[in-house]
Amino acid sequence: MPKSFWFIIFYFTLFLILLKIFPTIIGSLVVALFFTLLIDVIASYLEKLKISRKITVPLASLIFYGAIVYSLYSLIPITIEEGKKAFDVVNSIEINQIPGKTGEVLNTLLDTAGKYLNDLIIQFASYLASNISNFITVGLLLIVASAYMAIVNKQLWNAIDKFFPNSEIKTTKKFLLLTIKDLKKFVSGQIITAFFVGLTTWFSALVMGFPYPLFLGILSGITDFIPYLGVFITAIPITLLGFTNFGLVGILKALLILTIANQLEMWILSPRISGGKVHLNWFLVLVSLLIFGQLYGIVGVLITIPILIIIRNVWDMYIIQYLKKI
């Protein structure tokens, strides 16, 4: 087996160990790297409009980080406000007209639901208040790290010779270039998919009369980068908005919007765009998401597909070639 193979395995294993030991720091750097790739891909799209690279990178950063800041800035107050409204709506429902045990059971369920909503709002607000400094620190680290990576990416590439055997540096660089190319394909597919998911959510919410349709569209687009979990994040505010503005019918409307966006992504966008770009088996992706999510939390979910891409390329370039020689 080539020496560079063992170096790649060593660095890969070291990364997984450090991620487990220092999840916040390493996780932030990983997300920053993902953001850097994402901004680079957005900048490449803007360059097709014959805009200078010096302008496209800052513009892409402004678009992406602006969307994140807007989503977070709107998500917290809207969720708390609508949660309070939902609590008031539940408490205002009276079904004393229903005689016997049925009415008692329903009243008990409503009281329990009201108390649960109230406790959930208090816990959510307390969690935000106690962790606001951590959020700010991580946010600043992400911005600084992604900006630094964007600036020094050429220097980092030139420093590869110092970390791998020089006798196999051509093979190593070929592997790294292939992996970076595949990662950019994955990010490119994610951007296109997220854009159409956000557009679908915005248009559906607008047609159905939901308040804050632009916020819902941007939020669903941003959270779509989190495989399989993004839809649940969007489901919280959209369900609350549906319930507080339209009652039980609003919950059905919210579920309809989420279903339309989810099915569009699952059956049309992902297979044709993301799946066609990275060529990974969906069942393998699903199992890997569960494994890495269990091991590393939300960061594990984010890095699952990039890790599978790396493993696949190691298998294709090193292990298969070695097996052919045996």
C-alpha atoms as a PDB file:
ATOM      1  CA  MET A   1       0.000   0.000   0.000  1.00  0.00           C
ATOM      2  CA  PRO A   2       1.434   3.470  -0.875  1.00  0.00           C
ATOM      3  CA  LYS A   3       2.817   5.602   1.942  1.00  0.00           C
ATOM      4  CA  SER A   4       0.435   8.454   1.137  1.00  0.00           C
ATOM      5  CA  PHE A   5      -2.495   6.129   1.888  1.00  0.00           C
ATOM      6  CA  TRP A   6      -1.342   5.687   5.484  1.00  0.00           C
ATOM      7  CA  PHE A   7      -0.784   9.425   5.848  1.00  0.00           C
ATOM      8  CA  ILE A   8      -4.352  10.096   4.669  1.00  0.00           C
ATOM      9  CA  ILE A   9      -5.716   7.458   7.076  1.00  0.00           C
ATOM     10  CA  PHE A  10      -3.673   8.971   9.917  1.00  0.00           C
ATOM     11  CA  TYR A  11      -4.900  12.535   9.286  1.00  0.00           C
ATOM     12  CA  PHE A  12      -8.472  11.328   8.844  1.00  0.00           C
ATOM     13  CA  THR A  13      -8.379   9.357  12.117  1.00  0.00           C
ATOM     14  CA  LEU A  14      -6.737  12.269  13.931  1.00  0.00           C
ATOM     15  CA  PHE A  15      -9.480  14.574  12.690  1.00  0.00           C
ATOM     16  CA  LEU A  16     -12.234  12.271  14.003  1.00  0.00           C
ATOM     17  CA  ILE A  17     -10.506  11.989  17.390  1.00  0.00           C
ATOM     18  CA  LEU A  18     -10.016  15.755  17.726  1.00  0.00           C
ATOM     19  CA  LEU A  19     -13.631  16.344  16.696  1.00  0.00           C
ATOM     20  CA  LYS A  20     -14.737  14.070  19.529  1.00  0.00           C
ATOM     21  CA  ILE A  21     -12.432  15.701  22.095  1.00  0.00           C
ATOM     22  CA  PHE A  22     -12.915  19.344  21.025  1.00  0.00           C
ATOM     23  CA  PRO A  23     -16.338  19.348  19.333  1.00  0.00           C
ATOM     24  CA  THR A  24     -16.956  23.108  19.499  1.00  0.00           C
ATOM     25  CA  ILE A  25     -13.585  24.241  18.130  1.00  0.00           C
ATOM     26  CA  ILE A  26     -13.051  21.531  15.503  1.00  0.00           C
ATOM     27  CA  GLY A  27     -16.742  21.549  14.602  1.00  0.00           C
ATOM     28  CA  SER A  28     -16.634  25.308  14.039  1.00  0.00           C
ATOM     29  CA  LEU A  29     -13.565  24.947  11.808  1.00  0.00           C
ATOM     30  CA  VAL A  30     -15.296  22.189   9.804  1.00  0.00           C
ATOM     31  CA  VAL A  31     -18.425  24.296   9.331  1.00  0.00           C
ATOM     32  CA  ALA A  32     -16.197  27.252   8.397  1.00  0.00           C
ATOM     33  CA  LEU A  33     -14.519  25.102   5.731  1.00  0.00           C
ATOM     34  CA  PHE A  34     -17.939  24.110   4.416  1.00  0.00           C
ATOM     35  CA  PHE A  35     -18.958  27.785   4.357  1.00  0.00           C
ATOM     36  CA  THR A  36     -15.757  28.611   2.458  1.00  0.00           C
ATOM     37  CA  LEU A  37     -16.558  26.013  -0.207  1.00  0.00           C
ATOM     38  CA  LEU A  38     -20.137  27.221  -0.350  1.00  0.00           C
ATOM     39  CA  ILE A  39     -19.122  30.878  -0.777  1.00  0.00           C
ATOM     40  CA  ASP A  40     -16.587  29.855  -3.433  1.00  0.00           C
ATOM     41  CA  VAL A  41     -19.293  28.022  -5.396  1.00  0.00           C
ATOM     42  CA  ILE A  42     -21.695  30.990  -5.107  1.00  0.00           C
ATOM     43  CA  ALA A  43     -18.883  33.279  -6.277  1.00  0.00           C
ATOM     44  CA  SER A  44     -18.302  30.963  -9.260  1.00  0.00           C
ATOM     45  CA  TYR A  45     -21.979  31.289 -10.209  1.00  0.00           C
ATOM     46  CA  LEU A  46     -21.712  35.085  -9.985  1.00  0.00           C
ATOM     47  CA  GLU A  47     -18.596  35.048 -12.161  1.00  0.00           C
ATOM     48  CA  LYS A  48     -20.719  33.638 -14.967  1.00  0.00           C
ATOM     49  CA  LEU A  49     -22.392  37.055 -15.003  1.00  0.00           C
ATOM     50  CA  LYS A  50     -18.950  38.450 -15.930  1.00  0.00           C
ATOM     51  CA  ILE A  51     -18.389  39.989 -12.507  1.00  0.00           C
ATOM     52  CA  SER A  52     -14.811  40.282 -11.229  1.00  0.00           C
ATOM     53  CA  ARG A  53     -13.598  37.684  -8.717  1.00  0.00           C
ATOM     54  CA  LYS A  54     -12.625  40.504  -6.350  1.00  0.00           C
ATOM     55  CA  ILE A  55     -16.302  41.484  -6.213  1.00  0.00           C
ATOM     56  CA  THR A  56     -17.970  38.067  -6.375  1.00  0.00           C
ATOM     57  CA  VAL A  57     -16.307  36.653  -3.217  1.00  0.00           C
ATOM     58  CA  PRO A  58     -17.344  39.552  -0.899  1.00  0.00           C
ATOM     59  CA  LEU A  59     -20.766  39.637  -2.575  1.00  0.00           C
ATOM     60  CA  ALA A  60     -21.241  35.873  -2.123  1.00  0.00           C
ATOM     61  CA  SER A  61     -20.195  36.193   1.535  1.00  0.00           C
ATOM     62  CA  LEU A  62     -22.657  39.033   2.044  1.00  0.00           C
ATOM     63  CA  ILE A  63     -25.506  37.063   0.461  1.00  0.00           C
ATOM     64  CA  PHE A  64     -24.844  33.887   2.436  1.00  0.00           C
ATOM     65  CA  TYR A  65     -24.080  35.370   5.841  1.00  0.00           C
ATOM     66  CA  GLY A  66     -26.846  37.936   5.374  1.00  0.00           C
ATOM     67  CA  ALA A  67     -29.358  35.113   4.854  1.00  0.00           C
ATOM     68  CA  ILE A  68     -28.103  33.299   7.985  1.00  0.00           C
ATOM     69  CA  VAL A  69     -28.220  36.442  10.151  1.00  0.00           C
ATOM     70  CA  TYR A  70     -31.695  37.311   8.891  1.00  0.00           C
ATOM     71  CA  SER A  71     -32.960  33.785   9.595  1.00  0.00           C
ATOM     72  CA  LEU A  72     -31.541  33.643  13.121  1.00  0.00           C
ATOM     73  CA  TYR A  73     -32.584  37.209  13.910  1.00  0.00           C
ATOM     74  CA  SER A  74     -36.157  36.407  12.863  1.00  0.00           C
ATOM     75  CA  LEU A  75     -36.376  32.815  14.110  1.00  0.00           C
ATOM     76  CA  ILE A  76     -35.936  33.490  17.833  1.00  0.00           C
ATOM     77  CA  PRO A  77     -38.489  36.296  18.336  1.00  0.00           C
ATOM     78  CA  ILE A  78     -41.037  34.781  15.941  1.00  0.00           C
ATOM     79  CA  THR A  79     -40.825  31.350  17.612  1.00  0.00           C
ATOM     80  CA  ILE A  80     -41.179  32.812  21.123  1.00  0.00           C
ATOM     81  CA  GLU A  81     -43.999  35.178  20.107  1.00  0.00           C
ATOM     82  CA  GLU A  82     -45.958  32.521  18.244  1.00  0.00           C
ATOM     83  CA  GLY A  83     -45.333  30.014  21.022  1.00  0.00           C
ATOM     84  CA  LYS A  84     -46.936  32.403  23.517  1.00  0.00           C
ATOM     85  CA  LYS A  85     -49.880  32.898  21.162  1.00  0.00           C
ATOM     86  CA  ALA A  86     -50.281  29.128  20.799  1.00  0.00           C
ATOM     87  CA  PHE A  87     -50.239  28.812  24.594  1.00  0.00           C
ATOM     88  CA  ASP A  88     -52.990  31.441  24.888  1.00  0.00           C
ATOM     89  CA  VAL A  89     -55.051  29.778  22.150  1.00  0.00           C
ATOM     90  CA  VAL A  90     -54.845  26.379  23.857  1.00  0.00           C
ATOM     91  CA  ASN A  91     -55.820  27.880  27.213  1.00  0.00           C
ATOM     92  CA  SER A  92     -58.775  29.731  25.669  1.00  0.00           C
ATOM     93  CA  ILE A  93     -60.347  26.545  24.328  1.00  0.00           C
ATOM     94  CA  GLU A  94     -63.152  25.334  26.514  1.00  0.00           C
ATOM     95  CA  ILE A  95     -64.973  22.064  25.966  1.00  0.00           C
ATOM     96  CA  ASN A  96     -67.011  21.918  29.123  1.00  0.00           C
ATOM     97  CA  GLN A  97     -70.050  21.453  26.915  1.00  0.00           C
ATOM     98  CA  ILE A  98     -69.007  17.868  26.298  1.00  0.00           C
ATOM     99  CA  PRO A  99     -70.494  15.784  29.126  1.00  0.00           C
ATOM    100  CA  GLY A 100     -68.936  12.876  30.971  1.00  0.00           C
ATOM    101  CA  LYS A 101     -65.435  11.540  30.913  1.00  0.00           C
ATOM    102  CA  THR A 102     -64.808  12.538  27.295  1.00  0.00           C
ATOM    103  CA  GLY A 103     -64.906  16.232  28.179  1.00  0.00           C
ATOM    104  CA  GLU A 104     -62.720  15.663  31.235  1.00  0.00           C
ATOM    105  CA  VAL A 105     -60.120  13.798  29.181  1.00  0.00           C
ATOM    106  CA  LEU A 106     -60.038  16.491  26.495  1.00  0.00           C
ATOM    107  CA  ASN A 107     -59.763  19.261  29.093  1.00  0.00           C
ATOM    108  CA  THR A 108     -56.910  17.393  30.760  1.00  0.00           C
ATOM    109  CA  LEU A 109     -55.139  17.004  27.409  1.00  0.00           C
ATOM    110  CA  LEU A 110     -55.524  20.716  26.662  1.00  0.00           C
ATOM    111  CA  ASP A 111     -54.268  21.699  30.114  1.00  0.00           C
ATOM    112  CA  THR A 112     -51.275  19.401  29.696  1.00  0.00           C
ATOM    113  CA  ALA A 113     -50.556  20.790  26.225  1.00  0.00           C
ATOM    114  CA  GLY A 114     -50.779  24.352  27.540  1.00  0.00           C
ATOM    115  CA  LYS A 115     -48.399  23.652  30.417  1.00  0.00           C
ATOM    116  CA  TYR A 116     -46.023  21.866  28.041  1.00  0.00           C
ATOM    117  CA  LEU A 117     -45.976  24.838  25.654  1.00  0.00           C
ATOM    118  CA  ASN A 118     -45.410  27.244  28.529  1.00  0.00           C
ATOM    119  CA  ASP A 119     -42.526  25.156  29.914  1.00  0.00           C
ATOM    120  CA  LEU A 120     -41.069  24.779  26.437  1.00  0.00           C
ATOM    121  CA  ILE A 121     -41.080  28.550  25.883  1.00  0.00           C
ATOM    122  CA  ILE A 122     -39.436  29.169  29.266  1.00  0.00           C
ATOM    123  CA  GLN A 123     -36.780  26.509  28.640  1.00  0.00           C
ATOM    124  CA  PHE A 124     -36.099  27.837  25.149  1.00  0.00           C
ATOM    125  CA  ALA A 125     -35.703  31.413  26.421  1.00  0.00           C
ATOM    126  CA  SER A 126     -33.475  30.245  29.315  1.00  0.00           C
ATOM    127  CA  TYR A 127     -31.309  28.191  26.980  1.00  0.00           C
ATOM    128  CA  LEU A 128     -30.827  31.165  24.657  1.00  0.00           C
ATOM    129  CA  ALA A 129     -30.019  33.493  27.562  1.00  0.00           C
ATOM    130  CA  SER A 130     -27.485  31.110  29.136  1.00  0.00           C
ATOM    131  CA  ASN A 131     -25.753  30.224  25.856  1.00  0.00           C
ATOM    132  CA  ILE A 132     -25.841  33.552  24.030  1.00  0.00           C
ATOM    133  CA  SER A 133     -22.128  34.152  24.686  1.00  0.00           C
ATOM    134  CA  ASN A 134     -21.268  30.712  23.252  1.00  0.00           C
ATOM    135  CA  PHE A 135     -23.372  31.415  20.151  1.00  0.00           C
ATOM    136  CA  ILE A 136     -21.628  34.739  19.623  1.00  0.00           C
ATOM    137  CA  THR A 137     -18.190  33.140  20.093  1.00  0.00           C
ATOM    138  CA  VAL A 138     -18.933  30.321  17.662  1.00  0.00           C
ATOM    139  CA  GLY A 139     -20.436  32.763  15.160  1.00  0.00           C
ATOM    140  CA  LEU A 140     -17.378  35.015  15.253  1.00  0.00           C
ATOM    141  CA  LEU A 141     -15.094  31.982  14.977  1.00  0.00           C
ATOM    142  CA  LEU A 142     -16.998  30.780  11.922  1.00  0.00           C
ATOM    143  CA  ILE A 143     -16.767  34.157  10.179  1.00  0.00           C
ATOM    144  CA  VAL A 144     -13.074  34.665  10.981  1.00  0.00           C
ATOM    145  CA  ALA A 145     -12.114  31.068  10.125  1.00  0.00           C
ATOM    146  CA  SER A 146     -14.004  31.009   6.817  1.00  0.00           C
ATOM    147  CA  ALA A 147     -12.567  34.404   5.831  1.00  0.00           C
ATOM    148  CA  TYR A 148      -9.052  33.218   6.725  1.00  0.00           C
ATOM    149  CA  MET A 149      -9.460  29.993   4.734  1.00  0.00           C
ATOM    150  CA  ALA A 150     -10.700  31.938   1.723  1.00  0.00           C
ATOM    151  CA  ILE A 151      -7.668  34.219   1.870  1.00  0.00           C
ATOM    152  CA  VAL A 152      -4.926  31.617   2.461  1.00  0.00           C
ATOM    153  CA  ASN A 153      -6.297  28.698   0.430  1.00  0.00           C
ATOM    154  CA  LYS A 154      -3.448  28.967  -2.088  1.00  0.00           C
ATOM    155  CA  GLN A 155      -0.843  29.005   0.678  1.00  0.00           C
ATOM    156  CA  LEU A 156      -2.472  25.956   2.261  1.00  0.00           C
ATOM    157  CA  TRP A 157      -2.348  24.125  -1.052  1.00  0.00           C
ATOM    158  CA  ASN A 158       1.360  24.955  -1.480  1.00  0.00           C
ATOM    159  CA  ALA A 159       2.047  23.607   2.033  1.00  0.00           C
ATOM    160  CA  ILE A 160       0.773  20.109   1.175  1.00  0.00           C
ATOM    161  CA  ASP A 161       4.314  18.983   0.360  1.00  0.00           C
ATOM    162  CA  LYS A 162       5.198  19.365   4.050  1.00  0.00           C
ATOM    163  CA  PHE A 163       2.540  16.893   5.198  1.00  0.00           C
ATOM    164  CA  PHE A 164       2.849  14.032   2.678  1.00  0.00           C
ATOM    165  CA  PRO A 165       5.720  11.950   1.244  1.00  0.00           C
ATOM    166  CA  ASN A 166       7.363  13.881  -1.588  1.00  0.00           C
ATOM    167  CA  SER A 167       7.920  10.664  -3.531  1.00  0.00           C
ATOM    168  CA  GLU A 168       4.128  10.301  -3.958  1.00  0.00           C
ATOM    169  CA  ILE A 169       3.090  13.941  -3.932  1.00  0.00           C
ATOM    170  CA  LYS A 170       1.611  13.789  -7.450  1.00  0.00           C
ATOM    171  CA  THR A 171      -0.718  10.936  -6.470  1.00  0.00           C
ATOM    172  CA  THR A 172      -1.623  12.711  -3.237  1.00  0.00           C
ATOM    173  CA  LYS A 173      -2.456  15.955  -5.010  1.00  0.00           C
ATOM    174  CA  LYS A 174      -4.499  14.031  -7.575  1.00  0.00           C
ATOM    175  CA  PHE A 175      -6.524  12.500  -4.722  1.00  0.00           C
ATOM    176  CA  LEU A 176      -6.988  15.870  -3.008  1.00  0.00           C
ATOM    177  CA  LEU A 177      -7.987  17.624  -6.233  1.00  0.00           C
ATOM    178  CA  LEU A 178     -10.538  14.895  -6.989  1.00  0.00           C
ATOM    179  CA  THR A 179     -11.941  15.138  -3.447  1.00  0.00           C
ATOM    180  CA  ILE A 180     -12.168  18.947  -3.550  1.00  0.00           C
ATOM    181  CA  LYS A 181     -13.842  18.723  -6.963  1.00  0.00           C
ATOM    182  CA  ASP A 182     -16.395  16.219  -5.632  1.00  0.00           C
ATOM    183  CA  LEU A 183     -17.016  18.341  -2.536  1.00  0.00           C
ATOM    184  CA  LYS A 184     -17.675  21.379  -4.727  1.00  0.00           C
ATOM    185  CA  LYS A 185     -20.083  19.291  -6.811  1.00  0.00           C
ATOM    186  CA  PHE A 186     -21.886  18.307  -3.632  1.00  0.00           C
ATOM    187  CA  VAL A 187     -22.036  21.919  -2.415  1.00  0.00           C
ATOM    188  CA  SER A 188     -23.176  23.096  -5.842  1.00  0.00           C
ATOM    189  CA  GLY A 189     -26.004  20.560  -5.848  1.00  0.00           C
ATOM    190  CA  GLN A 190     -26.955  21.578  -2.302  1.00  0.00           C
ATOM    191  CA  ILE A 191     -27.117  25.256  -3.275  1.00  0.00           C
ATOM    192  CA  ILE A 192     -29.420  24.602  -6.225  1.00  0.00           C
ATOM    193  CA  THR A 193     -31.603  22.257  -4.192  1.00  0.00           C
ATOM    194  CA  ALA A 194     -31.791  24.673  -1.232  1.00  0.00           C
ATOM    195  CA  PHE A 195     -32.702  27.552  -3.550  1.00  0.00           C
ATOM    196  CA  PHE A 196     -35.670  25.707  -5.044  1.00  0.00           C
ATOM    197  CA  VAL A 197     -36.796  24.365  -1.652  1.00  0.00           C
ATOM    198  CA  GLY A 198     -36.734  27.910  -0.258  1.00  0.00           C
ATOM    199  CA  LEU A 199     -38.519  29.273  -3.320  1.00  0.00           C
ATOM    200  CA  THR A 200     -41.217  26.603  -3.056  1.00  0.00           C
ATOM    201  CA  THR A 201     -41.727  27.240   0.662  1.00  0.00           C
ATOM    202  CA  TRP A 202     -41.904  31.013   0.156  1.00  0.00           C
ATOM    203  CA  PHE A 203     -44.420  30.758  -2.710  1.00  0.00           C
ATOM    204  CA  SER A 204     -46.596  28.169  -0.921  1.00  0.00           C
ATOM    205  CA  ALA A 205     -46.649  30.216   2.305  1.00  0.00           C
ATOM    206  CA  LEU A 206     -47.481  33.366   0.336  1.00  0.00           C
ATOM    207  CA  VAL A 207     -50.351  31.710  -1.544  1.00  0.00           C
ATOM    208  CA  MET A 208     -51.791  30.201   1.658  1.00  0.00           C
ATOM    209  CA  GLY A 209     -51.700  33.538   3.452  1.00  0.00           C
ATOM    210  CA  PHE A 210     -49.016  32.784   6.035  1.00  0.00           C
ATOM    211  CA  PRO A 211     -47.309  35.768   7.695  1.00  0.00           C
ATOM    212  CA  TYR A 212     -43.529  36.118   7.188  1.00  0.00           C
ATOM    213  CA  PRO A 213     -43.401  34.090   3.932  1.00  0.00           C
ATOM    214  CA  LEU A 214     -39.966  35.499   3.023  1.00  0.00           C
ATOM    215  CA  PHE A 215     -38.568  34.450   6.397  1.00  0.00           C
ATOM    216  CA  LEU A 216     -40.012  30.935   5.995  1.00  0.00           C
ATOM    217  CA  GLY A 217     -38.539  30.628   2.507  1.00  0.00           C
ATOM    218  CA  ILE A 218     -35.058  31.782   3.548  1.00  0.00           C
ATOM    219  CA  LEU A 219     -35.117  29.613   6.681  1.00  0.00           C
ATOM    220  CA  SER A 220     -36.103  26.490   4.753  1.00  0.00           C
ATOM    221  CA  GLY A 221     -33.384  27.196   2.177  1.00  0.00           C
ATOM    222  CA  ILE A 222     -30.674  27.713   4.802  1.00  0.00           C
ATOM    223  CA  THR A 223     -31.666  24.693   6.910  1.00  0.00           C
ATOM    224  CA  ASP A 224     -31.858  22.518   3.793  1.00  0.00           C
ATOM    225  CA  PHE A 225     -28.069  22.268   4.006  1.00  0.00           C
ATOM    226  CA  ILE A 226     -28.599  20.080   7.106  1.00  0.00           C
ATOM    227  CA  PRO A 227     -29.518  16.669   5.619  1.00  0.00           C
ATOM    228  CA  TYR A 228     -32.867  15.260   6.796  1.00  0.00           C
ATOM    229  CA  LEU A 229     -32.976  17.533   9.871  1.00  0.00           C
ATOM    230  CA  GLY A 230     -33.475  20.909   8.214  1.00  0.00           C
ATOM    231  CA  VAL A 231     -37.162  20.266   7.572  1.00  0.00           C
ATOM    232  CA  PHE A 232     -37.773  19.747  11.311  1.00  0.00           C
ATOM    233  CA  ILE A 233     -36.162  23.096  12.140  1.00  0.00           C
ATOM    234  CA  THR A 234     -38.422  24.853   9.631  1.00  0.00           C
ATOM    235  CA  ALA A 235     -41.432  22.887  10.891  1.00  0.00           C
ATOM    236  CA  ILE A 236     -41.362  24.609  14.316  1.00  0.00           C
ATOM    237  CA  PRO A 237     -42.083  28.221  13.261  1.00  0.00           C
ATOM    238  CA  ILE A 238     -44.278  27.340  10.290  1.00  0.00           C
ATOM    239  CA  THR A 239     -46.497  25.053  12.416  1.00  0.00           C
ATOM    240  CA  LEU A 240     -46.776  27.677  15.149  1.00  0.00           C
ATOM    241  CA  LEU A 241     -47.636  30.359  12.582  1.00  0.00           C
ATOM    242  CA  GLY A 242     -50.246  28.093  11.029  1.00  0.00           C
ATOM    243  CA  PHE A 243     -51.859  27.265  14.359  1.00  0.00           C
ATOM    244  CA  THR A 244     -51.926  30.817  15.753  1.00  0.00           C
ATOM    245  CA  ASN A 245     -53.261  32.344  12.527  1.00  0.00           C
ATOM    246  CA  PHE A 246     -55.571  29.651  11.152  1.00  0.00           C
ATOM    247  CA  GLY A 247     -56.171  27.222  14.020  1.00  0.00           C
ATOM    248  CA  LEU A 248     -56.121  23.488  13.361  1.00  0.00           C
ATOM    249  CA  VAL A 249     -56.551  24.145   9.639  1.00  0.00           C
ATOM    250  CA  GLY A 250     -53.312  26.121   9.774  1.00  0.00           C
ATOM    251  CA  ILE A 251     -51.443  23.062  11.039  1.00  0.00           C
ATOM    252  CA  LEU A 252     -52.710  21.146   8.014  1.00  0.00           C
ATOM    253  CA  LYS A 253     -51.592  24.019   5.764  1.00  0.00           C
ATOM    254  CA  ALA A 254     -48.144  23.981   7.377  1.00  0.00           C
ATOM    255  CA  LEU A 255     -47.863  20.224   6.922  1.00  0.00           C
ATOM    256  CA  LEU A 256     -48.919  20.621   3.282  1.00  0.00           C
ATOM    257  CA  ILE A 257     -46.200  23.230   2.648  1.00  0.00           C
ATOM    258  CA  LEU A 258     -43.554  21.076   4.313  1.00  0.00           C
ATOM    259  CA  THR A 259     -44.722  17.997   2.391  1.00  0.00           C
ATOM    260  CA  ILE A 260     -44.629  19.794  -0.960  1.00  0.00           C
ATOM    261  CA  ALA A 261     -41.102  21.119  -0.348  1.00  0.00           C
ATOM    262  CA  ASN A 262     -39.872  17.797   1.051  1.00  0.00           C
ATOM    263  CA  GLN A 263     -41.317  15.688  -1.758  1.00  0.00           C
ATOM    264  CA  LEU A 264     -39.988  18.095  -4.386  1.00  0.00           C
ATOM    265  CA  GLU A 265     -36.512  17.711  -2.913  1.00  0.00           C
ATOM    266  CA  MET A 266     -36.737  13.948  -2.360  1.00  0.00           C
ATOM    267  CA  TRP A 267     -38.151  12.869  -5.725  1.00  0.00           C
ATOM    268  CA  ILE A 268     -37.013  15.565  -8.155  1.00  0.00           C
ATOM    269  CA  LEU A 269     -34.223  17.831  -6.900  1.00  0.00           C
ATOM    270  CA  SER A 270     -31.943  15.521  -4.906  1.00  0.00           C
ATOM    271  CA  PRO A 271     -31.931  12.572  -7.342  1.00  0.00           C
ATOM    272  CA  ARG A 272     -31.379  14.788 -10.381  1.00  0.00           C
ATOM    273  CA  ILE A 273     -29.060  17.396  -8.863  1.00  0.00           C
ATOM    274  CA  SER A 274     -27.304  16.322  -5.653  1.00  0.00           C
ATOM    275  CA  GLY A 275     -27.487  12.582  -6.257  1.00  0.00           C
ATOM    276  CA  GLY A 276     -26.341  12.960  -9.832  1.00  0.00           C
ATOM    277  CA  LYS A 277     -23.318  14.964  -8.737  1.00  0.00           C
ATOM    278  CA  VAL A 278     -21.914  12.820  -5.909  1.00  0.00           C
ATOM    279  CA  HIS A 279     -23.225   9.314  -6.842  1.00  0.00           C
ATOM    280  CA  LEU A 280     -23.802   8.015  -3.317  1.00  0.00           C
ATOM    281  CA  ASN A 281     -26.307   5.332  -2.358  1.00  0.00           C
ATOM    282  CA  TRP A 282     -29.195   6.862  -0.407  1.00  0.00           C
ATOM    283  CA  PHE A 283     -29.375   3.981   2.096  1.00  0.00           C
ATOM    284  CA  LEU A 284     -25.658   4.268   2.834  1.00  0.00           C
ATOM    285  CA  VAL A 285     -26.115   8.015   3.340  1.00  0.00           C
ATOM    286  CA  LEU A 286     -29.051   7.452   5.711  1.00  0.00           C
ATOM    287  CA  VAL A 287     -27.202   4.888   7.849  1.00  0.00           C
ATOM    288  CA  SER A 288     -24.086   7.068   7.919  1.00  0.00           C
ATOM    289  CA  LEU A 289     -26.149  10.075   8.993  1.00  0.00           C
ATOM    290  CA  LEU A 290     -27.462   8.101  11.955  1.00  0.00           C
ATOM    291  CA  ILE A 291     -23.972   6.905  12.908  1.00  0.00           C
ATOM    292  CA  PHE A 292     -22.158  10.238  12.636  1.00  0.00           C
ATOM    293  CA  GLY A 293     -25.111  12.091  14.132  1.00  0.00           C
ATOM    294  CA  GLN A 294     -24.952   9.797  17.159  1.00  0.00           C
ATOM    295  CA  LEU A 295     -21.182  10.259  17.465  1.00  0.00           C
ATOM    296  CA  TYR A 296     -20.803  13.973  16.755  1.00  0.00           C
ATOM    297  CA  GLY A 297     -24.240  15.562  16.928  1.00  0.00           C
ATOM    298  CA  ILE A 298     -25.282  18.210  14.406  1.00  0.00           C
ATOM    299  CA  VAL A 299     -21.715  18.576  13.067  1.00  0.00           C
ATOM    300  CA  GLY A 300     -21.701  14.840  12.395  1.00  0.00           C
ATOM    301  CA  VAL A 301     -24.798  15.230  10.254  1.00  0.00           C
ATOM    302  CA  LEU A 302     -23.169  18.055   8.287  1.00  0.00           C
ATOM    303  CA  ILE A 303     -19.945  16.153   7.582  1.00  0.00           C
ATOM    304  CA  THR A 304     -21.518  12.794   6.724  1.00  0.00           C
ATOM    305  CA  ILE A 305     -21.618  13.180   2.935  1.00  0.00           C
ATOM    306  CA  PRO A 306     -18.147  14.826   2.705  1.00  0.00           C
ATOM    307  CA  ILE A 307     -16.726  11.960   4.779  1.00  0.00           C
ATOM    308  CA  LEU A 308     -18.413   9.407   2.501  1.00  0.00           C
ATOM    309  CA  ILE A 309     -16.913  11.195  -0.515  1.00  0.00           C
ATOM    310  CA  ILE A 310     -13.436  10.996   1.057  1.00  0.00           C
ATOM    311  CA  ILE A 311     -13.864   7.297   1.927  1.00  0.00           C
ATOM    312  CA  ARG A 312     -15.103   6.514  -1.593  1.00  0.00           C
ATOM    313  CA  ASN A 313     -12.155   8.296  -3.213  1.00  0.00           C
ATOM    314  CA  VAL A 314      -9.681   6.526  -0.904  1.00  0.00           C
ATOM    315  CA  TRP A 315     -11.283   3.224  -1.867  1.00  0.00           C
ATOM    316  CA  ASP A 316     -11.214   3.980  -5.608  1.00  0.00           C
ATOM    317  CA  MET A 317      -7.714   5.463  -5.801  1.00  0.00           C
ATOM    318  CA  TYR A 318      -5.843   3.337  -3.283  1.00  0.00           C
ATOM    319  CA  ILE A 319      -7.581   0.178  -2.110  1.00  0.00           C
ATOM    320  CA  ILE A 320      -8.961  -0.967  -5.489  1.00  0.00           C
ATOM    321  CA  GLN A 321      -5.628  -0.291  -7.166  1.00  0.00           C
ATOM    322  CA  TYR A 322      -3.863  -2.273  -4.448  1.00  0.00           C
ATOM    323  CA  LEU A 323      -6.324  -5.198  -4.756  1.00  0.00           C
ATOM    324  CA  LYS A 324      -5.707  -5.351  -8.492  1.00  0.00           C
ATOM    325  CA  LYS A 325      -2.023  -5.950  -7.858  1.00  0.00           C
ATOM    326  CA  ILE A 326      -2.568  -8.833  -5.436  1.00  0.00           C
END
